Every structure is written in C-alpha cells, then in structure tokens.
Full PDB file with SEQRES, HELIX, SHEET, SSBOND, CRYST1, ORIGX, SCALE, CONECT and MASTER records, all heavy atoms in Angstrom:
SEQRES   1 A   40  ASN TYR SER PHE SER ASP GLU LEU LEU GLN ALA GLY PHE          
SEQRES   2 A   40  GLN SER SER ALA GLU SER ASP TYR ARG ILE TYR LYS ASP          
SEQRES   3 A   40  ARG VAL TYR LEU LYS LEU ALA SER ASN LEU ALA ALA TYR          
SEQRES   4 A   40  GLY                                                          
HELIX    1 AA1 ASP A    6  GLN A   14  1                                   9    
HELIX    2 AA2 TYR A   21  TYR A   39  1                                  19    
CRYST1    1.000    1.000    1.000  90.00  90.00  90.00 P 1           1          
ORIGX1      1.000000  0.000000  0.000000        0.00000                         
ORIGX2      0.000000  1.000000  0.000000        0.00000                         
ORIGX3      0.000000  0.000000  1.000000        0.00000                         
SCALE1      1.000000  0.000000  0.000000        0.00000                         
SCALE2      0.000000  1.000000  0.000000        0.00000                         
SCALE3      0.000000  0.000000  1.000000        0.00000                         
ATOM      1  N   ASN A   1      86.496  90.601 107.669  1.00  0.00           N  
ATOM      2  CA  ASN A   1      86.808  91.892 107.051  1.00  0.00           C  
ATOM      3  C   ASN A   1      87.974  91.693 106.090  1.00  0.00           C  
ATOM      4  O   ASN A   1      88.992  91.082 106.457  1.00  0.00           O  
ATOM      5  CB  ASN A   1      87.191  92.914 108.121  1.00  0.00           C  
ATOM      6  CG  ASN A   1      86.047  93.187 109.079  1.00  0.00           C  
ATOM      7  OD1 ASN A   1      85.187  94.015 108.813  1.00  0.00           O  
ATOM      8  ND2 ASN A   1      86.033  92.488 110.220  1.00  0.00           N  
ATOM      9  N   TYR A   2      87.825  92.222 104.881  1.00  0.00           N  
ATOM     10  CA  TYR A   2      88.865  92.015 103.869  1.00  0.00           C  
ATOM     11  C   TYR A   2      89.101  93.295 103.084  1.00  0.00           C  
ATOM     12  O   TYR A   2      88.157  94.024 102.758  1.00  0.00           O  
ATOM     13  CB  TYR A   2      88.469  90.905 102.899  1.00  0.00           C  
ATOM     14  CG  TYR A   2      89.558  90.555 101.900  1.00  0.00           C  
ATOM     15  CD1 TYR A   2      90.623  89.748 102.271  1.00  0.00           C  
ATOM     16  CD2 TYR A   2      89.522  91.059 100.605  1.00  0.00           C  
ATOM     17  CE1 TYR A   2      91.632  89.435 101.370  1.00  0.00           C  
ATOM     18  CE2 TYR A   2      90.533  90.755  99.698  1.00  0.00           C  
ATOM     19  CZ  TYR A   2      91.583  89.940 100.090  1.00  0.00           C  
ATOM     20  OH  TYR A   2      92.586  89.643  99.199  1.00  0.00           O  
ATOM     21  N   SER A   3      90.367  93.554 102.788  1.00  0.00           N  
ATOM     22  CA  SER A   3      90.712  94.668 101.907  1.00  0.00           C  
ATOM     23  C   SER A   3      91.769  94.208 100.924  1.00  0.00           C  
ATOM     24  O   SER A   3      92.626  93.367 101.246  1.00  0.00           O  
ATOM     25  CB  SER A   3      91.228  95.867 102.711  1.00  0.00           C  
ATOM     26  OG  SER A   3      92.424  95.554 103.395  1.00  0.00           O  
ATOM     27  N   PHE A   4      91.708  94.728  99.725  1.00  0.00           N  
ATOM     28  CA  PHE A   4      92.749  94.467  98.742  1.00  0.00           C  
ATOM     29  C   PHE A   4      93.997  95.251  99.140  1.00  0.00           C  
ATOM     30  O   PHE A   4      93.915  96.328  99.739  1.00  0.00           O  
ATOM     31  CB  PHE A   4      92.277  94.876  97.346  1.00  0.00           C  
ATOM     32  CG  PHE A   4      91.076  94.121  96.866  1.00  0.00           C  
ATOM     33  CD1 PHE A   4      89.843  94.743  96.760  1.00  0.00           C  
ATOM     34  CD2 PHE A   4      91.182  92.779  96.531  1.00  0.00           C  
ATOM     35  CE1 PHE A   4      88.727  94.049  96.322  1.00  0.00           C  
ATOM     36  CE2 PHE A   4      90.072  92.071  96.091  1.00  0.00           C  
ATOM     37  CZ  PHE A   4      88.840  92.702  95.987  1.00  0.00           C  
ATOM     38  N   SER A   5      95.167  94.720  98.818  1.00  0.00           N  
ATOM     39  CA  SER A   5      96.414  95.383  99.195  1.00  0.00           C  
ATOM     40  C   SER A   5      96.552  96.713  98.459  1.00  0.00           C  
ATOM     41  O   SER A   5      95.999  96.912  97.367  1.00  0.00           O  
ATOM     42  CB  SER A   5      97.611  94.487  98.854  1.00  0.00           C  
ATOM     43  OG  SER A   5      97.779  94.391  97.441  1.00  0.00           O  
ATOM     44  N   ASP A   6      97.295  97.624  99.062  1.00  0.00           N  
ATOM     45  CA  ASP A   6      97.556  98.910  98.424  1.00  0.00           C  
ATOM     46  C   ASP A   6      98.272  98.716  97.088  1.00  0.00           C  
ATOM     47  O   ASP A   6      98.018  99.452  96.126  1.00  0.00           O  
ATOM     48  CB  ASP A   6      98.412  99.797  99.342  1.00  0.00           C  
ATOM     49  CG  ASP A   6      97.641 100.290 100.553  1.00  0.00           C  
ATOM     50  OD1 ASP A   6      96.391 100.336 100.489  1.00  0.00           O  
ATOM     51  OD2 ASP A   6      98.282 100.620 101.569  1.00  0.00           O  
ATOM     52  N   GLU A   7      99.160  97.707  97.026  1.00  0.00           N  
ATOM     53  CA  GLU A   7      99.886  97.450  95.783  1.00  0.00           C  
ATOM     54  C   GLU A   7      98.930  97.071  94.650  1.00  0.00           C  
ATOM     55  O   GLU A   7      99.070  97.541  93.511  1.00  0.00           O  
ATOM     56  CB  GLU A   7     100.908  96.324  95.983  1.00  0.00           C  
ATOM     57  CG  GLU A   7     102.049  96.681  96.911  1.00  0.00           C  
ATOM     58  CD  GLU A   7     101.745  96.407  98.380  1.00  0.00           C  
ATOM     59  OE1 GLU A   7     100.573  96.121  98.709  1.00  0.00           O  
ATOM     60  OE2 GLU A   7     102.681  96.487  99.191  1.00  0.00           O  
ATOM     61  N   LEU A   8      97.942  96.232  94.981  1.00  0.00           N  
ATOM     62  CA  LEU A   8      96.968  95.838  93.962  1.00  0.00           C  
ATOM     63  C   LEU A   8      96.112  97.022  93.544  1.00  0.00           C  
ATOM     64  O   LEU A   8      95.881  97.261  92.347  1.00  0.00           O  
ATOM     65  CB  LEU A   8      96.088  94.707  94.490  1.00  0.00           C  
ATOM     66  CG  LEU A   8      94.914  94.289  93.588  1.00  0.00           C  
ATOM     67  CD1 LEU A   8      95.399  93.849  92.217  1.00  0.00           C  
ATOM     68  CD2 LEU A   8      94.096  93.185  94.254  1.00  0.00           C  
ATOM     69  N   LEU A   9      95.631  97.785  94.515  1.00  0.00           N  
ATOM     70  CA  LEU A   9      94.770  98.929  94.197  1.00  0.00           C  
ATOM     71  C   LEU A   9      95.527  99.984  93.391  1.00  0.00           C  
ATOM     72  O   LEU A   9      94.980 100.576  92.453  1.00  0.00           O  
ATOM     73  CB  LEU A   9      94.207  99.530  95.488  1.00  0.00           C  
ATOM     74  CG  LEU A   9      93.183  98.658  96.221  1.00  0.00           C  
ATOM     75  CD1 LEU A   9      92.921  99.197  97.612  1.00  0.00           C  
ATOM     76  CD2 LEU A   9      91.887  98.571  95.432  1.00  0.00           C  
ATOM     77  N   GLN A  10      96.786 100.203  93.746  1.00  0.00           N  
ATOM     78  CA  GLN A  10      97.580 101.176  93.004  1.00  0.00           C  
ATOM     79  C   GLN A  10      97.834 100.692  91.575  1.00  0.00           C  
ATOM     80  O   GLN A  10      97.759 101.484  90.614  1.00  0.00           O  
ATOM     81  CB  GLN A  10      98.917 101.435  93.708  1.00  0.00           C  
ATOM     82  CG  GLN A  10      98.813 102.271  94.968  1.00  0.00           C  
ATOM     83  CD  GLN A  10      98.500 103.743  94.682  1.00  0.00           C  
ATOM     84  OE1 GLN A  10      98.490 104.193  93.529  1.00  0.00           O  
ATOM     85  NE2 GLN A  10      98.220 104.499  95.736  1.00  0.00           N  
ATOM     86  N   ALA A  11      98.113  99.405  91.423  1.00  0.00           N  
ATOM     87  CA  ALA A  11      98.331  98.856  90.079  1.00  0.00           C  
ATOM     88  C   ALA A  11      97.052  98.954  89.253  1.00  0.00           C  
ATOM     89  O   ALA A  11      97.085  99.297  88.066  1.00  0.00           O  
ATOM     90  CB  ALA A  11      98.790  97.399  90.177  1.00  0.00           C  
ATOM     91  N   GLY A  12      95.921  98.658  89.904  1.00  0.00           N  
ATOM     92  CA  GLY A  12      94.648  98.772  89.201  1.00  0.00           C  
ATOM     93  C   GLY A  12      94.343 100.200  88.812  1.00  0.00           C  
ATOM     94  O   GLY A  12      93.849 100.472  87.700  1.00  0.00           O  
ATOM     95  N   PHE A  13      94.648 101.121  89.708  1.00  0.00           N  
ATOM     96  CA  PHE A  13      94.405 102.545  89.433  1.00  0.00           C  
ATOM     97  C   PHE A  13      95.267 103.036  88.269  1.00  0.00           C  
ATOM     98  O   PHE A  13      94.782 103.738  87.377  1.00  0.00           O  
ATOM     99  CB  PHE A  13      94.706 103.354  90.695  1.00  0.00           C  
ATOM    100  CG  PHE A  13      94.663 104.842  90.492  1.00  0.00           C  
ATOM    101  CD1 PHE A  13      93.490 105.484  90.108  1.00  0.00           C  
ATOM    102  CD2 PHE A  13      95.810 105.615  90.680  1.00  0.00           C  
ATOM    103  CE1 PHE A  13      93.460 106.870  89.923  1.00  0.00           C  
ATOM    104  CE2 PHE A  13      95.788 106.987  90.499  1.00  0.00           C  
ATOM    105  CZ  PHE A  13      94.604 107.619  90.116  1.00  0.00           C  
ATOM    106  N   GLN A  14      96.537 102.650  88.270  1.00  0.00           N  
ATOM    107  CA  GLN A  14      97.445 103.098  87.223  1.00  0.00           C  
ATOM    108  C   GLN A  14      97.035 102.598  85.843  1.00  0.00           C  
ATOM    109  O   GLN A  14      97.284 103.264  84.836  1.00  0.00           O  
ATOM    110  CB  GLN A  14      98.883 102.633  87.531  1.00  0.00           C  
ATOM    111  CG  GLN A  14      99.487 103.248  88.774  1.00  0.00           C  
ATOM    112  CD  GLN A  14      99.614 104.767  88.702  1.00  0.00           C  
ATOM    113  OE1 GLN A  14      99.792 105.328  87.628  1.00  0.00           O  
ATOM    114  NE2 GLN A  14      99.509 105.436  89.851  1.00  0.00           N  
ATOM    115  N   SER A  15      96.374 101.452  85.797  1.00  0.00           N  
ATOM    116  CA  SER A  15      95.963 100.897  84.505  1.00  0.00           C  
ATOM    117  C   SER A  15      94.517 101.241  84.160  1.00  0.00           C  
ATOM    118  O   SER A  15      93.973 100.747  83.175  1.00  0.00           O  
ATOM    119  CB  SER A  15      96.143  99.377  84.505  1.00  0.00           C  
ATOM    120  OG  SER A  15      95.304  98.769  85.481  1.00  0.00           O  
ATOM    121  N   SER A  16      93.892 102.096  84.990  1.00  0.00           N  
ATOM    122  CA  SER A  16      92.504 102.486  84.755  1.00  0.00           C  
ATOM    123  C   SER A  16      92.446 103.859  84.109  1.00  0.00           C  
ATOM    124  O   SER A  16      93.464 104.536  83.936  1.00  0.00           O  
ATOM    125  CB  SER A  16      91.719 102.507  86.066  1.00  0.00           C  
ATOM    126  OG  SER A  16      92.078 103.654  86.839  1.00  0.00           O  
ATOM    127  N   ALA A  17      91.238 104.266  83.781  1.00  0.00           N  
ATOM    128  CA  ALA A  17      91.038 105.592  83.189  1.00  0.00           C  
ATOM    129  C   ALA A  17      90.717 106.637  84.258  1.00  0.00           C  
ATOM    130  O   ALA A  17      90.475 107.802  83.936  1.00  0.00           O  
ATOM    131  CB  ALA A  17      89.916 105.539  82.159  1.00  0.00           C  
ATOM    132  N   GLU A  18      90.723 106.226  85.523  1.00  0.00           N  
ATOM    133  CA  GLU A  18      90.391 107.139  86.615  1.00  0.00           C  
ATOM    134  C   GLU A  18      91.526 108.133  86.856  1.00  0.00           C  
ATOM    135  O   GLU A  18      92.711 107.800  86.714  1.00  0.00           O  
ATOM    136  CB  GLU A  18      90.121 106.361  87.902  1.00  0.00           C  
ATOM    137  CG  GLU A  18      88.861 105.519  87.879  1.00  0.00           C  
ATOM    138  CD  GLU A  18      87.599 106.348  88.040  1.00  0.00           C  
ATOM    139  OE1 GLU A  18      87.710 107.579  88.240  1.00  0.00           O  
ATOM    140  OE2 GLU A  18      86.511 105.761  87.958  1.00  0.00           O  
ATOM    141  N   SER A  19      91.166 109.341  87.269  1.00  0.00           N  
ATOM    142  CA  SER A  19      92.167 110.363  87.601  1.00  0.00           C  
ATOM    143  C   SER A  19      92.270 110.620  89.098  1.00  0.00           C  
ATOM    144  O   SER A  19      93.190 111.300  89.553  1.00  0.00           O  
ATOM    145  CB  SER A  19      91.817 111.680  86.888  1.00  0.00           C  
ATOM    146  OG  SER A  19      90.521 112.132  87.283  1.00  0.00           O  
ATOM    147  N   ASP A  20      91.335 110.056  89.870  1.00  0.00           N  
ATOM    148  CA  ASP A  20      91.299 110.260  91.321  1.00  0.00           C  
ATOM    149  C   ASP A  20      91.353 108.902  92.009  1.00  0.00           C  
ATOM    150  O   ASP A  20      90.439 108.079  91.863  1.00  0.00           O  
ATOM    151  CB  ASP A  20      90.022 111.009  91.719  1.00  0.00           C  
ATOM    152  CG  ASP A  20      90.004 111.388  93.190  1.00  0.00           C  
ATOM    153  OD1 ASP A  20      90.049 110.478  94.035  1.00  0.00           O  
ATOM    154  OD2 ASP A  20      89.919 112.589  93.499  1.00  0.00           O  
ATOM    155  N   TYR A  21      92.435 108.646  92.770  1.00  0.00           N  
ATOM    156  CA  TYR A  21      92.625 107.340  93.405  1.00  0.00           C  
ATOM    157  C   TYR A  21      91.527 107.035  94.412  1.00  0.00           C  
ATOM    158  O   TYR A  21      91.038 105.907  94.494  1.00  0.00           O  
ATOM    159  CB  TYR A  21      93.986 107.288  94.095  1.00  0.00           C  
ATOM    160  CG  TYR A  21      94.243 105.996  94.831  1.00  0.00           C  
ATOM    161  CD1 TYR A  21      94.396 104.789  94.157  1.00  0.00           C  
ATOM    162  CD2 TYR A  21      94.317 105.973  96.229  1.00  0.00           C  
ATOM    163  CE1 TYR A  21      94.623 103.600  94.825  1.00  0.00           C  
ATOM    164  CE2 TYR A  21      94.556 104.798  96.917  1.00  0.00           C  
ATOM    165  CZ  TYR A  21      94.701 103.608  96.208  1.00  0.00           C  
ATOM    166  OH  TYR A  21      94.915 102.426  96.895  1.00  0.00           O  
ATOM    167  N   ARG A  22      91.124 108.028  95.192  1.00  0.00           N  
ATOM    168  CA  ARG A  22      90.074 107.820  96.197  1.00  0.00           C  
ATOM    169  C   ARG A  22      88.768 107.375  95.524  1.00  0.00           C  
ATOM    170  O   ARG A  22      88.112 106.425  95.986  1.00  0.00           O  
ATOM    171  CB  ARG A  22      89.885 109.118  96.983  1.00  0.00           C  
ATOM    172  CG  ARG A  22      88.522 109.311  97.633  1.00  0.00           C  
ATOM    173  CD  ARG A  22      88.294 108.439  98.857  1.00  0.00           C  
ATOM    174  NE  ARG A  22      86.917 108.554  99.284  1.00  0.00           N  
ATOM    175  CZ  ARG A  22      86.450 109.520 100.092  1.00  0.00           C  
ATOM    176  NH1 ARG A  22      87.257 110.452 100.545  1.00  0.00           N  
ATOM    177  NH2 ARG A  22      85.182 109.531 100.434  1.00  0.00           N  
ATOM    178  N   ILE A  23      88.388 108.022  94.447  1.00  0.00           N  
ATOM    179  CA  ILE A  23      87.159 107.638  93.741  1.00  0.00           C  
ATOM    180  C   ILE A  23      87.301 106.239  93.148  1.00  0.00           C  
ATOM    181  O   ILE A  23      86.373 105.419  93.208  1.00  0.00           O  
ATOM    182  CB  ILE A  23      86.814 108.670  92.654  1.00  0.00           C  
ATOM    183  CG1 ILE A  23      86.428 110.009  93.292  1.00  0.00           C  
ATOM    184  CG2 ILE A  23      85.674 108.159  91.762  1.00  0.00           C  
ATOM    185  CD1 ILE A  23      86.159 111.111  92.301  1.00  0.00           C  
ATOM    186  N   TYR A  24      88.490 105.958  92.589  1.00  0.00           N  
ATOM    187  CA  TYR A  24      88.728 104.625  92.030  1.00  0.00           C  
ATOM    188  C   TYR A  24      88.564 103.550  93.101  1.00  0.00           C  
ATOM    189  O   TYR A  24      87.881 102.538  92.900  1.00  0.00           O  
ATOM    190  CB  TYR A  24      90.132 104.544  91.428  1.00  0.00           C  
ATOM    191  CG  TYR A  24      90.542 103.131  91.073  1.00  0.00           C  
ATOM    192  CD1 TYR A  24      90.098 102.529  89.906  1.00  0.00           C  
ATOM    193  CD2 TYR A  24      91.357 102.389  91.931  1.00  0.00           C  
ATOM    194  CE1 TYR A  24      90.454 101.217  89.590  1.00  0.00           C  
ATOM    195  CE2 TYR A  24      91.725 101.084  91.626  1.00  0.00           C  
ATOM    196  CZ  TYR A  24      91.271 100.509  90.447  1.00  0.00           C  
ATOM    197  OH  TYR A  24      91.616  99.211  90.146  1.00  0.00           O  
ATOM    198  N   LYS A  25      89.185 103.751  94.249  1.00  0.00           N  
ATOM    199  CA  LYS A  25      89.125 102.769  95.340  1.00  0.00           C  
ATOM    200  C   LYS A  25      87.694 102.561  95.808  1.00  0.00           C  
ATOM    201  O   LYS A  25      87.252 101.421  96.023  1.00  0.00           O  
ATOM    202  CB  LYS A  25      90.010 103.233  96.497  1.00  0.00           C  
ATOM    203  CG  LYS A  25      90.103 102.259  97.654  1.00  0.00           C  
ATOM    204  CD  LYS A  25      91.043 102.798  98.728  1.00  0.00           C  
ATOM    205  CE  LYS A  25      91.098 101.859  99.928  1.00  0.00           C  
ATOM    206  NZ  LYS A  25      91.982 102.405 100.998  1.00  0.00           N  
ATOM    207  N   ASP A  26      86.945 103.645  95.975  1.00  0.00           N  
ATOM    208  CA  ASP A  26      85.544 103.514  96.384  1.00  0.00           C  
ATOM    209  C   ASP A  26      84.754 102.698  95.362  1.00  0.00           C  
ATOM    210  O   ASP A  26      83.916 101.864  95.722  1.00  0.00           O  
ATOM    211  CB  ASP A  26      84.900 104.898  96.544  1.00  0.00           C  
ATOM    212  CG  ASP A  26      85.399 105.647  97.771  1.00  0.00           C  
ATOM    213  OD1 ASP A  26      85.989 105.007  98.658  1.00  0.00           O  
ATOM    214  OD2 ASP A  26      85.207 106.877  97.832  1.00  0.00           O  
ATOM    215  N   ARG A  27      85.019 102.934  94.087  1.00  0.00           N  
ATOM    216  CA  ARG A  27      84.287 102.209  93.039  1.00  0.00           C  
ATOM    217  C   ARG A  27      84.642 100.730  93.015  1.00  0.00           C  
ATOM    218  O   ARG A  27      83.799  99.888  92.689  1.00  0.00           O  
ATOM    219  CB  ARG A  27      84.555 102.854  91.680  1.00  0.00           C  
ATOM    220  CG  ARG A  27      83.830 104.190  91.504  1.00  0.00           C  
ATOM    221  CD  ARG A  27      84.087 104.808  90.153  1.00  0.00           C  
ATOM    222  NE  ARG A  27      83.306 106.037  89.988  1.00  0.00           N  
ATOM    223  CZ  ARG A  27      83.435 106.874  88.975  1.00  0.00           C  
ATOM    224  NH1 ARG A  27      84.316 106.622  88.016  1.00  0.00           N  
ATOM    225  NH2 ARG A  27      82.685 107.963  88.903  1.00  0.00           N  
ATOM    226  N   VAL A  28      85.888 100.419  93.346  1.00  0.00           N  
ATOM    227  CA  VAL A  28      86.282  99.011  93.452  1.00  0.00           C  
ATOM    228  C   VAL A  28      85.398  98.299  94.476  1.00  0.00           C  
ATOM    229  O   VAL A  28      84.815  97.240  94.207  1.00  0.00           O  
ATOM    230  CB  VAL A  28      87.769  98.889  93.855  1.00  0.00           C  
ATOM    231  CG1 VAL A  28      88.083  97.482  94.363  1.00  0.00           C  
ATOM    232  CG2 VAL A  28      88.677  99.224  92.681  1.00  0.00           C  
ATOM    233  N   TYR A  29      85.267  98.898  95.653  1.00  0.00           N  
ATOM    234  CA  TYR A  29      84.497  98.245  96.714  1.00  0.00           C  
ATOM    235  C   TYR A  29      82.994  98.304  96.464  1.00  0.00           C  
ATOM    236  O   TYR A  29      82.257  97.398  96.873  1.00  0.00           O  
ATOM    237  CB  TYR A  29      84.865  98.855  98.065  1.00  0.00           C  
ATOM    238  CG  TYR A  29      86.227  98.405  98.541  1.00  0.00           C  
ATOM    239  CD1 TYR A  29      87.310  99.273  98.553  1.00  0.00           C  
ATOM    240  CD2 TYR A  29      86.436  97.095  98.949  1.00  0.00           C  
ATOM    241  CE1 TYR A  29      88.565  98.862  98.975  1.00  0.00           C  
ATOM    242  CE2 TYR A  29      87.693  96.668  99.369  1.00  0.00           C  
ATOM    243  CZ  TYR A  29      88.747  97.554  99.379  1.00  0.00           C  
ATOM    244  OH  TYR A  29      89.995  97.126  99.780  1.00  0.00           O  
ATOM    245  N   LEU A  30      82.524  99.328  95.788  1.00  0.00           N  
ATOM    246  CA  LEU A  30      81.104  99.381  95.417  1.00  0.00           C  
ATOM    247  C   LEU A  30      80.766  98.265  94.439  1.00  0.00           C  
ATOM    248  O   LEU A  30      79.717  97.623  94.545  1.00  0.00           O  
ATOM    249  CB  LEU A  30      80.764 100.746  94.816  1.00  0.00           C  
ATOM    250  CG  LEU A  30      80.666 101.897  95.815  1.00  0.00           C  
ATOM    251  CD1 LEU A  30      80.731 103.237  95.094  1.00  0.00           C  
ATOM    252  CD2 LEU A  30      79.371 101.801  96.634  1.00  0.00           C  
ATOM    253  N   LYS A  31      81.667  98.036  93.483  1.00  0.00           N  
ATOM    254  CA  LYS A  31      81.454  96.916  92.557  1.00  0.00           C  
ATOM    255  C   LYS A  31      81.470  95.599  93.319  1.00  0.00           C  
ATOM    256  O   LYS A  31      80.631  94.720  93.080  1.00  0.00           O  
ATOM    257  CB  LYS A  31      82.535  96.902  91.482  1.00  0.00           C  
ATOM    258  CG  LYS A  31      82.433  95.664  90.568  1.00  0.00           C  
ATOM    259  CD  LYS A  31      83.602  95.530  89.615  1.00  0.00           C  
ATOM    260  CE  LYS A  31      83.517  94.211  88.856  1.00  0.00           C  
ATOM    261  NZ  LYS A  31      84.645  94.036  87.905  1.00  0.00           N  
ATOM    262  N   LEU A  32      82.413  95.442  94.226  1.00  0.00           N  
ATOM    263  CA  LEU A  32      82.502  94.207  95.004  1.00  0.00           C  
ATOM    264  C   LEU A  32      81.240  93.994  95.829  1.00  0.00           C  
ATOM    265  O   LEU A  32      80.704  92.879  95.896  1.00  0.00           O  
ATOM    266  CB  LEU A  32      83.728  94.243  95.909  1.00  0.00           C  
ATOM    267  CG  LEU A  32      83.979  93.002  96.760  1.00  0.00           C  
ATOM    268  CD1 LEU A  32      84.112  91.762  95.901  1.00  0.00           C  
ATOM    269  CD2 LEU A  32      85.228  93.195  97.621  1.00  0.00           C  
ATOM    270  N   ALA A  33      80.733  95.051  96.456  1.00  0.00           N  
ATOM    271  CA  ALA A  33      79.517  94.940  97.260  1.00  0.00           C  
ATOM    272  C   ALA A  33      78.321  94.552  96.391  1.00  0.00           C  
ATOM    273  O   ALA A  33      77.486  93.739  96.787  1.00  0.00           O  
ATOM    274  CB  ALA A  33      79.240  96.253  97.983  1.00  0.00           C  
ATOM    275  N   SER A  34      78.237  95.137  95.195  1.00  0.00           N  
ATOM    276  CA  SER A  34      77.150  94.814  94.279  1.00  0.00           C  
ATOM    277  C   SER A  34      77.222  93.356  93.844  1.00  0.00           C  
ATOM    278  O   SER A  34      76.214  92.638  93.840  1.00  0.00           O  
ATOM    279  CB  SER A  34      77.219  95.738  93.056  1.00  0.00           C  
ATOM    280  OG  SER A  34      76.213  95.414  92.122  1.00  0.00           O  
ATOM    281  N   ASN A  35      78.425  92.894  93.504  1.00  0.00           N  
ATOM    282  CA  ASN A  35      78.569  91.499  93.082  1.00  0.00           C  
ATOM    283  C   ASN A  35      78.356  90.529  94.240  1.00  0.00           C  
ATOM    284  O   ASN A  35      77.848  89.416  94.054  1.00  0.00           O  
ATOM    285  CB  ASN A  35      79.940  91.289  92.441  1.00  0.00           C  
ATOM    286  CG  ASN A  35      80.010  91.858  91.030  1.00  0.00           C  
ATOM    287  OD1 ASN A  35      79.055  92.475  90.547  1.00  0.00           O  
ATOM    288  ND2 ASN A  35      81.128  91.668  90.361  1.00  0.00           N  
ATOM    289  N   LEU A  36      78.723  90.952  95.450  1.00  0.00           N  
ATOM    290  CA  LEU A  36      78.459  90.105  96.622  1.00  0.00           C  
ATOM    291  C   LEU A  36      76.962  90.016  96.922  1.00  0.00           C  
ATOM    292  O   LEU A  36      76.491  89.005  97.440  1.00  0.00           O  
ATOM    293  CB  LEU A  36      79.203  90.640  97.843  1.00  0.00           C  
ATOM    294  CG  LEU A  36      80.620  90.119  98.054  1.00  0.00           C  
ATOM    295  CD1 LEU A  36      81.321  90.899  99.144  1.00  0.00           C  
ATOM    296  CD2 LEU A  36      80.613  88.631  98.381  1.00  0.00           C  
ATOM    297  N   ALA A  37      76.233  91.087  96.621  1.00  0.00           N  
ATOM    298  CA  ALA A  37      74.779  91.014  96.794  1.00  0.00           C  
ATOM    299  C   ALA A  37      74.203  89.909  95.927  1.00  0.00           C  
ATOM    300  O   ALA A  37      73.214  89.261  96.292  1.00  0.00           O  
ATOM    301  CB  ALA A  37      74.151  92.358  96.436  1.00  0.00           C  
ATOM    302  N   ALA A  38      74.839  89.676  94.773  1.00  0.00           N  
ATOM    303  CA  ALA A  38      74.367  88.627  93.859  1.00  0.00           C  
ATOM    304  C   ALA A  38      74.923  87.253  94.188  1.00  0.00           C  
ATOM    305  O   ALA A  38      74.267  86.242  93.937  1.00  0.00           O  
ATOM    306  CB  ALA A  38      74.736  89.003  92.420  1.00  0.00           C  
ATOM    307  N   TYR A  39      76.133  87.191  94.765  1.00  0.00           N  
ATOM    308  CA  TYR A  39      76.797  85.896  94.967  1.00  0.00           C  
ATOM    309  C   TYR A  39      77.182  85.605  96.418  1.00  0.00           C  
ATOM    310  O   TYR A  39      77.660  84.510  96.720  1.00  0.00           O  
ATOM    311  CB  TYR A  39      78.081  85.837  94.132  1.00  0.00           C  
ATOM    312  CG  TYR A  39      77.867  85.690  92.645  1.00  0.00           C  
ATOM    313  CD1 TYR A  39      77.906  86.788  91.798  1.00  0.00           C  
ATOM    314  CD2 TYR A  39      77.644  84.431  92.079  1.00  0.00           C  
ATOM    315  CE1 TYR A  39      77.731  86.661  90.424  1.00  0.00           C  
ATOM    316  CE2 TYR A  39      77.473  84.280  90.714  1.00  0.00           C  
ATOM    317  CZ  TYR A  39      77.512  85.399  89.887  1.00  0.00           C  
ATOM    318  OH  TYR A  39      77.339  85.245  88.539  1.00  0.00           O  
ATOM    319  N   GLY A  40      76.994  86.541  97.330  1.00  0.00           N  
ATOM    320  CA  GLY A  40      77.471  86.350  98.698  1.00  0.00           C  
ATOM    321  C   GLY A  40      76.775  85.256  99.475  1.00  0.00           C  
ATOM    322  O   GLY A  40      77.284  84.792 100.495  1.00  0.00           O  
TER     323      GLY A  40                                                      
MASTER        0    0    0    2    0    0    0    6  322    1    0    4          
END                                                                             
C-alpha cells in the first residue's frame, strides 16, 4: 500500500488548475491506477 505525502499532494495541487483539493487528489490516484493497469 502506497500513498504520496501530503506535502507532495499539496504542492501539486497548488501548481495545478484544480480548485478542489479532494477532487485533485482523487484524480492523482485515478491517473496512477490507469497507468498501473498499463505498466503494473
């Protein structure tokens, strides 16, 4: 089980175009899951 640190997620959120942190975080992991389906 792995999670990115809050510091990384917050830094990523601040530099993104997202306005909702919860939605941003969910999208981070959805992208990761999609890419893992291809490379896992």
